[in-house]
C-alpha atoms as a PDB file:
ATOM      1  CA  MET A   1      50.672  72.287 -23.335  1.00  0.00           C
ATOM      2  CA  GLU A   2      48.016  69.660 -23.889  1.00  0.00           C
ATOM      3  CA  ASP A   3      47.536  66.739 -21.544  1.00  0.00           C
ATOM      4  CA  PRO A   4      49.146  63.565 -22.888  1.00  0.00           C
ATOM      5  CA  ALA A   5      46.699  61.326 -24.705  1.00  0.00           C
ATOM      6  CA  GLN A   6      45.498  58.219 -22.996  1.00  0.00           C
ATOM      7  CA  GLU A   7      47.103  55.066 -24.386  1.00  0.00           C
ATOM      8  CA  VAL A   8      44.942  52.983 -26.706  1.00  0.00           C
ATOM      9  CA  THR A   9      45.169  49.367 -27.730  1.00  0.00           C
ATOM     10  CA  ILE A  10      45.415  48.088 -31.282  1.00  0.00           C
ATOM     11  CA  ASN A  11      41.754  47.046 -30.921  1.00  0.00           C
ATOM     12  CA  ASP A  12      40.826  50.664 -30.091  1.00  0.00           C
ATOM     13  CA  PHE A  13      42.633  51.806 -33.243  1.00  0.00           C
ATOM     14  CA  LYS A  14      40.923  49.152 -35.378  1.00  0.00           C
ATOM     15  CA  ARG A  15      37.527  50.623 -34.402  1.00  0.00           C
ATOM     16  CA  LEU A  16      38.422  53.776 -36.345  1.00  0.00           C
ATOM     17  CA  GLU A  17      37.466  53.634 -40.013  1.00  0.00           C
ATOM     18  CA  VAL A  18      40.117  55.920 -41.493  1.00  0.00           C
ATOM     19  CA  ARG A  19      40.126  55.937 -45.299  1.00  0.00           C
ATOM     20  CA  VAL A  20      41.536  57.706 -48.342  1.00  0.00           C
ATOM     21  CA  GLY A  21      39.084  59.968 -50.151  1.00  0.00           C
ATOM     22  CA  THR A  22      38.956  62.653 -52.829  1.00  0.00           C
ATOM     23  CA  VAL A  23      37.191  65.965 -52.250  1.00  0.00           C
ATOM     24  CA  VAL A  24      34.650  66.248 -55.077  1.00  0.00           C
ATOM     25  CA  GLU A  25      32.538  69.223 -53.915  1.00  0.00           C
ATOM     26  CA  VAL A  26      33.225  72.248 -51.716  1.00  0.00           C
ATOM     27  CA  SER A  27      30.794  75.037 -50.851  1.00  0.00           C
ATOM     28  CA  ARG A  28      30.488  77.683 -48.148  1.00  0.00           C
ATOM     29  CA  VAL A  29      27.864  77.048 -45.490  1.00  0.00           C
ATOM     30  CA  PRO A  30      25.423  79.998 -45.613  1.00  0.00           C
ATOM     31  CA  ARG A  31      25.322  82.385 -42.656  1.00  0.00           C
ATOM     32  CA  THR A  32      28.675  81.178 -41.296  1.00  0.00           C
ATOM     33  CA  ASN A  33      32.154  82.715 -41.486  1.00  0.00           C
ATOM     34  CA  LYS A  34      34.408  79.671 -41.238  1.00  0.00           C
ATOM     35  CA  LEU A  35      32.537  76.614 -42.522  1.00  0.00           C
ATOM     36  CA  TYR A  36      32.684  74.629 -45.737  1.00  0.00           C
ATOM     37  CA  LYS A  37      30.391  71.769 -46.701  1.00  0.00           C
ATOM     38  CA  VAL A  38      32.639  69.149 -48.296  1.00  0.00           C
ATOM     39  CA  ILE A  39      31.685  65.992 -50.207  1.00  0.00           C
ATOM     40  CA  VAL A  40      34.325  63.253 -50.131  1.00  0.00           C
ATOM     41  CA  ASP A  41      34.341  60.351 -52.610  1.00  0.00           C
ATOM     42  CA  MET A  42      35.219  57.157 -50.746  1.00  0.00           C
ATOM     43  CA  GLY A  43      35.266  54.944 -53.858  1.00  0.00           C
ATOM     44  CA  ALA A  44      33.312  51.712 -53.329  1.00  0.00           C
ATOM     45  CA  HIS A  45      32.238  53.042 -49.903  1.00  0.00           C
ATOM     46  CA  GLY A  46      30.221  55.875 -51.455  1.00  0.00           C
ATOM     47  CA  LYS A  47      30.321  59.591 -50.778  1.00  0.00           C
ATOM     48  CA  LYS A  48      30.320  61.256 -47.375  1.00  0.00           C
ATOM     49  CA  GLN A  49      29.422  64.820 -46.480  1.00  0.00           C
ATOM     50  CA  THR A  50      31.202  66.733 -43.749  1.00  0.00           C
ATOM     51  CA  VAL A  51      31.255  70.254 -42.400  1.00  0.00           C
ATOM     52  CA  THR A  52      34.685  71.632 -41.675  1.00  0.00           C
ATOM     53  CA  SER A  53      36.080  74.940 -40.402  1.00  0.00           C
ATOM     54  CA  LEU A  54      38.825  75.310 -43.005  1.00  0.00           C
ATOM     55  CA  VAL A  55      37.839  78.677 -44.544  1.00  0.00           C
ATOM     56  CA  ASP A  56      40.734  80.455 -42.791  1.00  0.00           C
ATOM     57  CA  TYR A  57      43.243  77.870 -44.070  1.00  0.00           C
ATOM     58  CA  TYR A  58      42.187  76.820 -47.581  1.00  0.00           C
ATOM     59  CA  LYS A  59      40.372  78.370 -50.531  1.00  0.00           C
ATOM     60  CA  ALA A  60      37.579  76.173 -51.883  1.00  0.00           C
ATOM     61  CA  GLU A  61      39.506  75.580 -55.114  1.00  0.00           C
ATOM     62  CA  GLU A  62      42.540  74.374 -53.105  1.00  0.00           C
ATOM     63  CA  LEU A  63      40.402  71.700 -51.455  1.00  0.00           C
ATOM     64  CA  LEU A  64      38.661  70.517 -54.617  1.00  0.00           C
ATOM     65  CA  HIS A  65      40.215  67.262 -55.936  1.00  0.00           C
ATOM     66  CA  LYS A  66      42.579  67.002 -52.936  1.00  0.00           C
ATOM     67  CA  ARG A  67      43.189  63.404 -51.861  1.00  0.00           C
ATOM     68  CA  ILE A  68      42.779  63.413 -48.115  1.00  0.00           C
ATOM     69  CA  ILE A  69      42.601  61.147 -45.067  1.00  0.00           C
ATOM     70  CA  PHE A  70      39.058  60.884 -43.697  1.00  0.00           C
ATOM     71  CA  LEU A  71      37.597  59.491 -40.471  1.00  0.00           C
ATOM     72  CA  ALA A  72      34.530  57.792 -41.945  1.00  0.00           C
ATOM     73  CA  ASN A  73      32.804  56.321 -38.886  1.00  0.00           C
ATOM     74  CA  LEU A  74      32.558  59.423 -36.708  1.00  0.00           C
ATOM     75  CA  LYS A  75      29.035  59.695 -35.276  1.00  0.00           C
ATOM     76  CA  GLU A  76      26.877  61.867 -37.566  1.00  0.00           C
ATOM     77  CA  THR A  77      26.046  65.360 -36.303  1.00  0.00           C
ATOM     78  CA  THR A  78      24.717  68.652 -37.674  1.00  0.00           C
ATOM     79  CA  PHE A  79      26.509  72.020 -37.947  1.00  0.00           C
ATOM     80  CA  ALA A  80      24.654  75.141 -39.113  1.00  0.00           C
ATOM     81  CA  GLY A  81      21.886  72.943 -40.500  1.00  0.00           C
ATOM     82  CA  GLU A  82      24.250  70.741 -42.538  1.00  0.00           C
ATOM     83  CA  LYS A  83      24.859  67.024 -41.972  1.00  0.00           C
ATOM     84  CA  SER A  84      28.410  66.017 -41.036  1.00  0.00           C
ATOM     85  CA  GLU A  85      29.253  62.315 -41.468  1.00  0.00           C
ATOM     86  CA  GLY A  86      32.964  62.265 -40.725  1.00  0.00           C
ATOM     87  CA  MET A  87      36.102  64.336 -40.380  1.00  0.00           C
ATOM     88  CA  LEU A  88      38.969  65.405 -42.613  1.00  0.00           C
ATOM     89  CA  LEU A  89      42.140  64.760 -40.606  1.00  0.00           C
ATOM     90  CA  ALA A  90      44.706  67.532 -40.187  1.00  0.00           C
ATOM     91  CA  ALA A  91      47.814  68.428 -38.225  1.00  0.00           C
ATOM     92  CA  SER A  92      47.933  71.750 -36.405  1.00  0.00           C
ATOM     93  CA  GLU A  93      50.329  73.792 -34.322  1.00  0.00           C
ATOM     94  CA  GLY A  94      49.444  77.304 -33.225  1.00  0.00           C
ATOM     95  CA  ASN A  95      47.879  79.080 -36.224  1.00  0.00           C
ATOM     96  CA  GLU A  96      49.219  76.555 -38.752  1.00  0.00           C
ATOM     97  CA  LEU A  97      47.083  73.741 -40.135  1.00  0.00           C
ATOM     98  CA  ALA A  98      47.738  71.144 -42.846  1.00  0.00           C
ATOM     99  CA  LEU A  99      45.391  68.449 -44.095  1.00  0.00           C
ATOM    100  CA  LEU A 100      46.707  64.898 -44.084  1.00  0.00           C
ATOM    101  CA  THR A 101      47.048  63.726 -47.673  1.00  0.00           C
ATOM    102  CA  ILE A 102      48.169  60.603 -49.507  1.00  0.00           C
ATOM    103  CA  ASP A 103      51.362  60.466 -51.569  1.00  0.00           C
ATOM    104  CA  ARG A 104      50.685  57.415 -53.768  1.00  0.00           C
ATOM    105  CA  GLY A 105      47.946  56.169 -56.061  1.00  0.00           C
ATOM    106  CA  VAL A 106      45.953  53.878 -53.787  1.00  0.00           C
ATOM    107  CA  PRO A 107      42.227  53.906 -54.637  1.00  0.00           C
ATOM    108  CA  ASP A 108      39.673  56.061 -52.852  1.00  0.00           C
ATOM    109  CA  GLY A 109      38.187  54.111 -49.978  1.00  0.00           C
ATOM    110  CA  SER A 110      41.481  52.383 -49.114  1.00  0.00           C
ATOM    111  CA  ARG A 111      41.692  51.798 -45.367  1.00  0.00           C
ATOM    112  CA  ILE A 112      44.441  53.428 -43.332  1.00  0.00           C
ATOM    113  CA  SER A 113      46.165  50.892 -41.092  1.00  0.00           C
END
């Protein structure tokens, strides 16, 4: 069992830039077994690239055009030589994983609040 998360204030939450985006490109990261490079369209906020370890959970064509929830202000880092500018948000339990998606037609770039 994981340790309980530390409580955060509403101001802590407001620091997170969580937005709706559409996956517009997906490709395998060369010389890796589990990584995709994913481009997410954030509407008026531009496109963001991320590297994600979803190969075991989703085929590339399942990710393409999926409307997802994206953490857009995560500090940029590099995985396997590829830039990662954010994070696709997902729920997981054991070996199960599901991306967080949006169920209505709000525009890409809409802020999650």
